[in-house]
Amino acid sequence: MVLYQLWYYIEKEKLEGYTKFAKEEAIPFWLSVPGMKEFRGYRESGSYKILVEMEFESMEAWGKAFDSPKTKEVMNKFAAYTHDLKWNLWDKSPVVPEPLKGKHK
């Protein structure tokens, strides 16, 4: 498992265009990528700051996805609506390789 995280801000005046692009192009594209396991999105309360998490089956799957010409096309369109992009790439932990569940009484 590999977790790719993107943090960015949506241009306030481009919110409507971003929403249309995300729902009609970006999200369907990412969900169709081989090796994509989960796609999650979050918004910081009261702001235009977004966190997107994409979980891939492996580092190889992530690498192939991001080497694709279609990915470059989608990310170029994405850049027209956003600013201050930051990202992290996380590999599986050797100590906690699978999610742990708490004990509830």
C-alpha atoms as a PDB file:
ATOM      1  CA  MET A   1       0.000   0.000   0.000  1.00  0.00           C
ATOM      2  CA  VAL A   2       1.175   3.503  -0.880  1.00  0.00           C
ATOM      3  CA  LEU A   3      -0.604   6.664   0.253  1.00  0.00           C
ATOM      4  CA  TYR A   4      -0.292   9.800  -1.882  1.00  0.00           C
ATOM      5  CA  GLN A   5      -1.516  12.998  -0.194  1.00  0.00           C
ATOM      6  CA  LEU A   6      -2.135  16.354  -1.882  1.00  0.00           C
ATOM      7  CA  TRP A   7      -2.812  19.601   0.017  1.00  0.00           C
ATOM      8  CA  TYR A   8      -3.880  22.651  -1.948  1.00  0.00           C
ATOM      9  CA  TYR A   9      -6.125  25.689  -2.041  1.00  0.00           C
ATOM     10  CA  ILE A  10      -8.901  26.214  -4.542  1.00  0.00           C
ATOM     11  CA  GLU A  11      -9.023  29.637  -6.178  1.00  0.00           C
ATOM     12  CA  LYS A  12     -12.181  31.114  -4.592  1.00  0.00           C
ATOM     13  CA  GLU A  13     -13.398  32.670  -7.836  1.00  0.00           C
ATOM     14  CA  LYS A  14     -12.857  29.361  -9.684  1.00  0.00           C
ATOM     15  CA  LEU A  15     -14.784  27.161  -7.225  1.00  0.00           C
ATOM     16  CA  GLU A  16     -17.628  26.376  -9.633  1.00  0.00           C
ATOM     17  CA  GLY A  17     -15.245  25.391 -12.447  1.00  0.00           C
ATOM     18  CA  TYR A  18     -13.113  23.339 -10.063  1.00  0.00           C
ATOM     19  CA  THR A  19     -16.158  21.449  -8.761  1.00  0.00           C
ATOM     20  CA  LYS A  20     -17.299  20.606 -12.299  1.00  0.00           C
ATOM     21  CA  PHE A  21     -13.774  19.531 -13.306  1.00  0.00           C
ATOM     22  CA  ALA A  22     -13.328  17.406 -10.160  1.00  0.00           C
ATOM     23  CA  LYS A  23     -16.674  15.610 -10.476  1.00  0.00           C
ATOM     24  CA  GLU A  24     -16.678  15.109 -14.257  1.00  0.00           C
ATOM     25  CA  GLU A  25     -12.998  14.622 -15.097  1.00  0.00           C
ATOM     26  CA  ALA A  26     -10.478  14.292 -12.260  1.00  0.00           C
ATOM     27  CA  ILE A  27     -12.241  11.907  -9.875  1.00  0.00           C
ATOM     28  CA  PRO A  28     -13.537   9.547 -12.613  1.00  0.00           C
ATOM     29  CA  PHE A  29     -10.038   9.498 -14.108  1.00  0.00           C
ATOM     30  CA  TRP A  30      -8.335   8.641 -10.801  1.00  0.00           C
ATOM     31  CA  LEU A  31     -10.872   5.921 -10.032  1.00  0.00           C
ATOM     32  CA  SER A  32     -10.093   4.297 -13.398  1.00  0.00           C
ATOM     33  CA  VAL A  33      -6.308   4.180 -12.855  1.00  0.00           C
ATOM     34  CA  PRO A  34      -4.939   0.627 -12.473  1.00  0.00           C
ATOM     35  CA  GLY A  35      -3.740   0.019  -8.917  1.00  0.00           C
ATOM     36  CA  MET A  36      -5.951   2.746  -7.360  1.00  0.00           C
ATOM     37  CA  LYS A  37      -7.551   1.337  -4.194  1.00  0.00           C
ATOM     38  CA  GLU A  38      -9.227   4.368  -2.582  1.00  0.00           C
ATOM     39  CA  PHE A  39      -9.727   8.057  -3.229  1.00  0.00           C
ATOM     40  CA  ARG A  40     -10.649  10.315  -0.296  1.00  0.00           C
ATOM     41  CA  GLY A  41     -11.241  14.069  -0.126  1.00  0.00           C
ATOM     42  CA  TYR A  42     -11.430  16.487   2.790  1.00  0.00           C
ATOM     43  CA  ARG A  43     -11.940  20.236   3.180  1.00  0.00           C
ATOM     44  CA  GLU A  44     -10.590  22.296   6.047  1.00  0.00           C
ATOM     45  CA  SER A  45     -13.628  23.698   7.828  1.00  0.00           C
ATOM     46  CA  GLY A  46     -14.429  27.254   6.750  1.00  0.00           C
ATOM     47  CA  SER A  47     -11.688  27.505   4.124  1.00  0.00           C
ATOM     48  CA  TYR A  48     -10.770  26.564   0.577  1.00  0.00           C
ATOM     49  CA  LYS A  49      -7.943  24.265   1.697  1.00  0.00           C
ATOM     50  CA  ILE A  50      -8.319  20.702   0.418  1.00  0.00           C
ATOM     51  CA  LEU A  51      -6.684  17.398   1.308  1.00  0.00           C
ATOM     52  CA  VAL A  52      -6.919  14.525  -1.159  1.00  0.00           C
ATOM     53  CA  GLU A  53      -5.645  11.045  -0.310  1.00  0.00           C
ATOM     54  CA  MET A  54      -5.115   8.409  -2.963  1.00  0.00           C
ATOM     55  CA  GLU A  55      -4.262   4.896  -1.879  1.00  0.00           C
ATOM     56  CA  PHE A  56      -2.444   2.743  -4.429  1.00  0.00           C
ATOM     57  CA  GLU A  57      -1.724  -0.992  -4.294  1.00  0.00           C
ATOM     58  CA  SER A  58       2.038  -0.465  -4.607  1.00  0.00           C
ATOM     59  CA  MET A  59       4.825   2.011  -5.327  1.00  0.00           C
ATOM     60  CA  GLU A  60       4.957   0.556  -8.837  1.00  0.00           C
ATOM     61  CA  ALA A  61       1.239   1.279  -9.398  1.00  0.00           C
ATOM     62  CA  TRP A  62       1.701   4.865  -8.169  1.00  0.00           C
ATOM     63  CA  GLY A  63       4.743   5.328 -10.409  1.00  0.00           C
ATOM     64  CA  LYS A  64       2.937   4.051 -13.500  1.00  0.00           C
ATOM     65  CA  ALA A  65      -0.059   6.264 -12.750  1.00  0.00           C
ATOM     66  CA  PHE A  66       2.066   9.390 -12.444  1.00  0.00           C
ATOM     67  CA  ASP A  67       4.132   8.593 -15.515  1.00  0.00           C
ATOM     68  CA  SER A  68       1.008   8.503 -17.684  1.00  0.00           C
ATOM     69  CA  PRO A  69       0.423  11.262 -20.277  1.00  0.00           C
ATOM     70  CA  LYS A  70      -3.254  11.348 -19.208  1.00  0.00           C
ATOM     71  CA  THR A  71      -2.194  12.051 -15.607  1.00  0.00           C
ATOM     72  CA  LYS A  72      -0.068  14.958 -16.793  1.00  0.00           C
ATOM     73  CA  GLU A  73      -3.058  16.310 -18.746  1.00  0.00           C
ATOM     74  CA  VAL A  74      -5.394  16.039 -15.741  1.00  0.00           C
ATOM     75  CA  MET A  75      -2.838  17.620 -13.393  1.00  0.00           C
ATOM     76  CA  ASN A  76      -2.274  20.529 -15.802  1.00  0.00           C
ATOM     77  CA  LYS A  77      -6.032  21.243 -15.834  1.00  0.00           C
ATOM     78  CA  PHE A  78      -6.087  20.859 -12.040  1.00  0.00           C
ATOM     79  CA  ALA A  79      -3.373  23.532 -11.714  1.00  0.00           C
ATOM     80  CA  ALA A  80      -5.660  26.101 -13.371  1.00  0.00           C
ATOM     81  CA  TYR A  81      -8.022  25.969 -10.367  1.00  0.00           C
ATOM     82  CA  THR A  82      -5.590  25.594  -7.458  1.00  0.00           C
ATOM     83  CA  HIS A  83      -2.509  27.052  -5.793  1.00  0.00           C
ATOM     84  CA  ASP A  84       0.046  26.219  -3.077  1.00  0.00           C
ATOM     85  CA  LEU A  85       0.118  22.491  -3.878  1.00  0.00           C
ATOM     86  CA  LYS A  86       2.101  20.282  -1.522  1.00  0.00           C
ATOM     87  CA  TRP A  87       2.305  16.513  -1.544  1.00  0.00           C
ATOM     88  CA  ASN A  88       3.654  13.531   0.369  1.00  0.00           C
ATOM     89  CA  LEU A  89       4.149   9.928  -0.613  1.00  0.00           C
ATOM     90  CA  TRP A  90       3.884   7.349   2.179  1.00  0.00           C
ATOM     91  CA  ASP A  91       4.953   3.713   2.009  1.00  0.00           C
ATOM     92  CA  LYS A  92       3.643   0.932   4.253  1.00  0.00           C
ATOM     93  CA  SER A  93       4.930   0.875   7.832  1.00  0.00           C
ATOM     94  CA  PRO A  94       6.948  -2.209   8.778  1.00  0.00           C
ATOM     95  CA  VAL A  95       5.630  -1.852  12.353  1.00  0.00           C
ATOM     96  CA  VAL A  96       1.925  -1.302  11.522  1.00  0.00           C
ATOM     97  CA  PRO A  97       1.439  -2.725   8.013  1.00  0.00           C
ATOM     98  CA  GLU A  98      -2.374  -2.963   8.360  1.00  0.00           C
ATOM     99  CA  PRO A  99      -4.880  -0.724  10.186  1.00  0.00           C
ATOM    100  CA  LEU A 100      -5.359  -1.514  13.876  1.00  0.00           C
ATOM    101  CA  LYS A 101      -8.755  -1.281  15.551  1.00  0.00           C
ATOM    102  CA  GLY A 102      -9.404  -0.032  19.059  1.00  0.00           C
ATOM    103  CA  LYS A 103     -11.295  -2.123  21.587  1.00  0.00           C
ATOM    104  CA  HIS A 104     -14.721  -0.664  22.332  1.00  0.00           C
ATOM    105  CA  LYS A 105     -16.750  -1.657  25.383  1.00  0.00           C
END
